[in-house]
Amino acid sequence: MKKIIVKPPRSPVAVGPYNHAVRVGDLLFCAGQIPIDPSTGDLVSGGIQAQTERALQNVKAILDHQKLTFAHVVKSMVFLTSLADFAGMNEIYARHFTADFPARSTVQVAALPKGANVEIEVIAHF
């Protein structure tokens, strides 16, 4: 049975017809998070590091709501509008995922919602 997770506290409002996360059994599938400031609904200013930090804080809000941490993440997917931003994204990413790293895919995409430069989605295990 699936359980829908709708707008955890400290999360930005979804920018489309989707839920923040869906739990199926002992897995949590989190929707991709872009660097939206939940207090304003606006994209954060700054470069890839500031945007990666905000996107990961948005992921963390979903995990926190489910009493999980980044250590519970088994797979992450990172979408960048430019692979030239890989090193900057990776520096911030490594501050949140510090040991027993999850499997990860990183791809370059043509564009992301609201003009974001990064989007991060995760799958976590309870």
C-alpha atoms as a PDB file:
ATOM      1  CA  MET A   1       0.000   0.000   0.000  1.00  0.00           C
ATOM      2  CA  LYS A   2       1.295   3.450  -0.782  1.00  0.00           C
ATOM      3  CA  LYS A   3       1.153   6.411   1.573  1.00  0.00           C
ATOM      4  CA  ILE A   4       1.203   9.905   0.088  1.00  0.00           C
ATOM      5  CA  ILE A   5       3.341  12.531   1.835  1.00  0.00           C
ATOM      6  CA  VAL A   6       1.879  15.973   1.150  1.00  0.00           C
ATOM      7  CA  LYS A   7       3.773  19.170   2.014  1.00  0.00           C
ATOM      8  CA  PRO A   8       5.957  18.393   5.007  1.00  0.00           C
ATOM      9  CA  PRO A   9       6.670  21.417   7.250  1.00  0.00           C
ATOM     10  CA  ARG A  10       9.617  23.556   6.041  1.00  0.00           C
ATOM     11  CA  SER A  11       9.071  22.363   2.448  1.00  0.00           C
ATOM     12  CA  PRO A  12       8.276  24.632  -0.481  1.00  0.00           C
ATOM     13  CA  VAL A  13       4.924  24.246  -2.166  1.00  0.00           C
ATOM     14  CA  ALA A  14       5.051  21.808  -5.099  1.00  0.00           C
ATOM     15  CA  VAL A  15       5.336  23.583  -8.457  1.00  0.00           C
ATOM     16  CA  GLY A  16       3.149  21.033 -10.229  1.00  0.00           C
ATOM     17  CA  PRO A  17       0.671  18.186  -9.789  1.00  0.00           C
ATOM     18  CA  TYR A  18       2.820  15.878  -7.678  1.00  0.00           C
ATOM     19  CA  ASN A  19       3.395  14.928  -4.043  1.00  0.00           C
ATOM     20  CA  HIS A  20       6.562  15.594  -2.077  1.00  0.00           C
ATOM     21  CA  ALA A  21       7.032  11.881  -1.429  1.00  0.00           C
ATOM     22  CA  VAL A  22       5.337   8.514  -1.599  1.00  0.00           C
ATOM     23  CA  ARG A  23       6.030   5.711   0.844  1.00  0.00           C
ATOM     24  CA  VAL A  24       5.674   2.147  -0.376  1.00  0.00           C
ATOM     25  CA  GLY A  25       6.546  -0.449   2.237  1.00  0.00           C
ATOM     26  CA  ASP A  26       9.943   0.403   3.657  1.00  0.00           C
ATOM     27  CA  LEU A  27      10.927   2.754   0.821  1.00  0.00           C
ATOM     28  CA  LEU A  28      10.353   6.501   0.533  1.00  0.00           C
ATOM     29  CA  PHE A  29      10.413   7.954  -2.976  1.00  0.00           C
ATOM     30  CA  CYS A  30      11.037  11.703  -2.782  1.00  0.00           C
ATOM     31  CA  ALA A  31      10.131  14.029  -5.626  1.00  0.00           C
ATOM     32  CA  GLY A  32      12.962  16.050  -7.105  1.00  0.00           C
ATOM     33  CA  GLN A  33      13.688  19.175  -5.113  1.00  0.00           C
ATOM     34  CA  ILE A  34      14.851  22.382  -6.716  1.00  0.00           C
ATOM     35  CA  PRO A  35      16.373  25.289  -4.774  1.00  0.00           C
ATOM     36  CA  ILE A  36      13.154  27.042  -3.786  1.00  0.00           C
ATOM     37  CA  ASP A  37      13.161  28.991  -0.536  1.00  0.00           C
ATOM     38  CA  PRO A  38      10.089  27.671   1.315  1.00  0.00           C
ATOM     39  CA  SER A  39       9.528  31.012   3.055  1.00  0.00           C
ATOM     40  CA  THR A  40       9.251  33.003  -0.191  1.00  0.00           C
ATOM     41  CA  GLY A  41       8.499  30.425  -2.883  1.00  0.00           C
ATOM     42  CA  ASP A  42      11.317  31.933  -4.942  1.00  0.00           C
ATOM     43  CA  LEU A  43      14.417  30.333  -6.392  1.00  0.00           C
ATOM     44  CA  VAL A  44      17.446  31.106  -4.207  1.00  0.00           C
ATOM     45  CA  SER A  45      20.013  33.455  -5.650  1.00  0.00           C
ATOM     46  CA  GLY A  46      23.645  32.541  -5.977  1.00  0.00           C
ATOM     47  CA  GLY A  47      25.595  29.949  -7.855  1.00  0.00           C
ATOM     48  CA  ILE A  48      25.485  26.190  -7.929  1.00  0.00           C
ATOM     49  CA  GLN A  49      26.691  25.809  -4.337  1.00  0.00           C
ATOM     50  CA  ALA A  50      23.910  27.970  -2.889  1.00  0.00           C
ATOM     51  CA  GLN A  51      21.352  26.220  -5.090  1.00  0.00           C
ATOM     52  CA  THR A  52      22.625  22.740  -4.160  1.00  0.00           C
ATOM     53  CA  GLU A  53      22.504  23.613  -0.454  1.00  0.00           C
ATOM     54  CA  ARG A  54      18.874  24.797  -0.714  1.00  0.00           C
ATOM     55  CA  ALA A  55      17.820  21.765  -2.769  1.00  0.00           C
ATOM     56  CA  LEU A  56      19.375  19.456  -0.157  1.00  0.00           C
ATOM     57  CA  GLN A  57      17.708  21.394   2.676  1.00  0.00           C
ATOM     58  CA  ASN A  58      14.395  20.792   0.888  1.00  0.00           C
ATOM     59  CA  VAL A  59      15.197  17.072   0.652  1.00  0.00           C
ATOM     60  CA  LYS A  60      16.137  17.101   4.345  1.00  0.00           C
ATOM     61  CA  ALA A  61      12.755  18.617   5.269  1.00  0.00           C
ATOM     62  CA  ILE A  62      11.010  15.636   3.654  1.00  0.00           C
ATOM     63  CA  LEU A  63      13.351  13.141   5.315  1.00  0.00           C
ATOM     64  CA  ASP A  64      12.950  14.849   8.712  1.00  0.00           C
ATOM     65  CA  HIS A  65       9.168  14.691   8.383  1.00  0.00           C
ATOM     66  CA  GLN A  66       9.460  10.911   8.034  1.00  0.00           C
ATOM     67  CA  LYS A  67      12.041  10.659  10.859  1.00  0.00           C
ATOM     68  CA  LEU A  68      14.800   9.764   8.397  1.00  0.00           C
ATOM     69  CA  THR A  69      18.251  11.223   7.714  1.00  0.00           C
ATOM     70  CA  PHE A  70      20.578  11.371   4.732  1.00  0.00           C
ATOM     71  CA  ALA A  71      22.053   8.104   6.078  1.00  0.00           C
ATOM     72  CA  HIS A  72      18.774   6.383   5.098  1.00  0.00           C
ATOM     73  CA  VAL A  73      19.145   7.407   1.443  1.00  0.00           C
ATOM     74  CA  VAL A  74      20.013   4.456  -0.796  1.00  0.00           C
ATOM     75  CA  LYS A  75      19.828   6.205  -4.184  1.00  0.00           C
ATOM     76  CA  SER A  76      20.041   9.806  -5.297  1.00  0.00           C
ATOM     77  CA  MET A  77      19.592  11.406  -8.665  1.00  0.00           C
ATOM     78  CA  VAL A  78      21.128  14.799  -9.431  1.00  0.00           C
ATOM     79  CA  PHE A  79      20.080  16.831 -12.454  1.00  0.00           C
ATOM     80  CA  LEU A  80      22.320  19.728 -13.523  1.00  0.00           C
ATOM     81  CA  THR A  81      21.771  22.197 -16.330  1.00  0.00           C
ATOM     82  CA  SER A  82      25.551  22.194 -16.818  1.00  0.00           C
ATOM     83  CA  LEU A  83      28.049  19.478 -15.973  1.00  0.00           C
ATOM     84  CA  ALA A  84      30.536  22.333 -15.539  1.00  0.00           C
ATOM     85  CA  ASP A  85      28.789  22.729 -12.143  1.00  0.00           C
ATOM     86  CA  PHE A  86      29.596  19.135 -11.121  1.00  0.00           C
ATOM     87  CA  ALA A  87      32.515  19.985  -8.794  1.00  0.00           C
ATOM     88  CA  GLY A  88      30.636  22.785  -7.015  1.00  0.00           C
ATOM     89  CA  MET A  89      27.557  20.609  -6.543  1.00  0.00           C
ATOM     90  CA  ASN A  90      29.700  17.700  -5.360  1.00  0.00           C
ATOM     91  CA  GLU A  91      31.408  19.831  -2.706  1.00  0.00           C
ATOM     92  CA  ILE A  92      28.063  20.695  -1.077  1.00  0.00           C
ATOM     93  CA  TYR A  93      26.612  17.215  -1.631  1.00  0.00           C
ATOM     94  CA  ALA A  94      29.557  15.688   0.271  1.00  0.00           C
ATOM     95  CA  ARG A  95      28.698  17.820   3.333  1.00  0.00           C
ATOM     96  CA  HIS A  96      25.312  16.088   3.594  1.00  0.00           C
ATOM     97  CA  PHE A  97      26.251  12.552   2.542  1.00  0.00           C
ATOM     98  CA  THR A  98      29.330  11.852   4.640  1.00  0.00           C
ATOM     99  CA  ALA A  99      29.665   8.064   4.925  1.00  0.00           C
ATOM    100  CA  ASP A 100      28.277   4.967   3.279  1.00  0.00           C
ATOM    101  CA  PHE A 101      27.304   7.067   0.298  1.00  0.00           C
ATOM    102  CA  PRO A 102      24.140   6.151  -1.603  1.00  0.00           C
ATOM    103  CA  ALA A 103      24.263   5.055  -5.210  1.00  0.00           C
ATOM    104  CA  ARG A 104      23.985   8.164  -7.384  1.00  0.00           C
ATOM    105  CA  SER A 105      23.319   9.239 -10.927  1.00  0.00           C
ATOM    106  CA  THR A 106      24.208  12.725 -12.145  1.00  0.00           C
ATOM    107  CA  VAL A 107      23.032  13.921 -15.536  1.00  0.00           C
ATOM    108  CA  GLN A 108      22.973  17.139 -17.494  1.00  0.00           C
ATOM    109  CA  VAL A 109      19.540  18.297 -18.604  1.00  0.00           C
ATOM    110  CA  ALA A 110      18.421  21.066 -20.951  1.00  0.00           C
ATOM    111  CA  ALA A 111      16.368  22.926 -18.345  1.00  0.00           C
ATOM    112  CA  LEU A 112      14.763  22.626 -14.908  1.00  0.00           C
ATOM    113  CA  PRO A 113      11.598  24.164 -13.430  1.00  0.00           C
ATOM    114  CA  LYS A 114      11.748  27.879 -12.512  1.00  0.00           C
ATOM    115  CA  GLY A 115      15.173  28.180 -14.138  1.00  0.00           C
ATOM    116  CA  ALA A 116      16.958  26.168 -11.438  1.00  0.00           C
ATOM    117  CA  ASN A 117      20.461  24.894 -12.094  1.00  0.00           C
ATOM    118  CA  VAL A 118      20.089  21.755  -9.949  1.00  0.00           C
ATOM    119  CA  GLU A 119      17.396  19.297  -8.908  1.00  0.00           C
ATOM    120  CA  ILE A 120      17.922  16.421  -6.484  1.00  0.00           C
ATOM    121  CA  GLU A 121      15.655  13.453  -5.797  1.00  0.00           C
ATOM    122  CA  VAL A 122      16.243  10.556  -3.444  1.00  0.00           C
ATOM    123  CA  ILE A 123      14.982   7.134  -2.473  1.00  0.00           C
ATOM    124  CA  ALA A 124      15.323   6.338   1.230  1.00  0.00           C
ATOM    125  CA  HIS A 125      14.958   3.086   3.157  1.00  0.00           C
ATOM    126  CA  PHE A 126      13.270   2.905   6.571  1.00  0.00           C
END
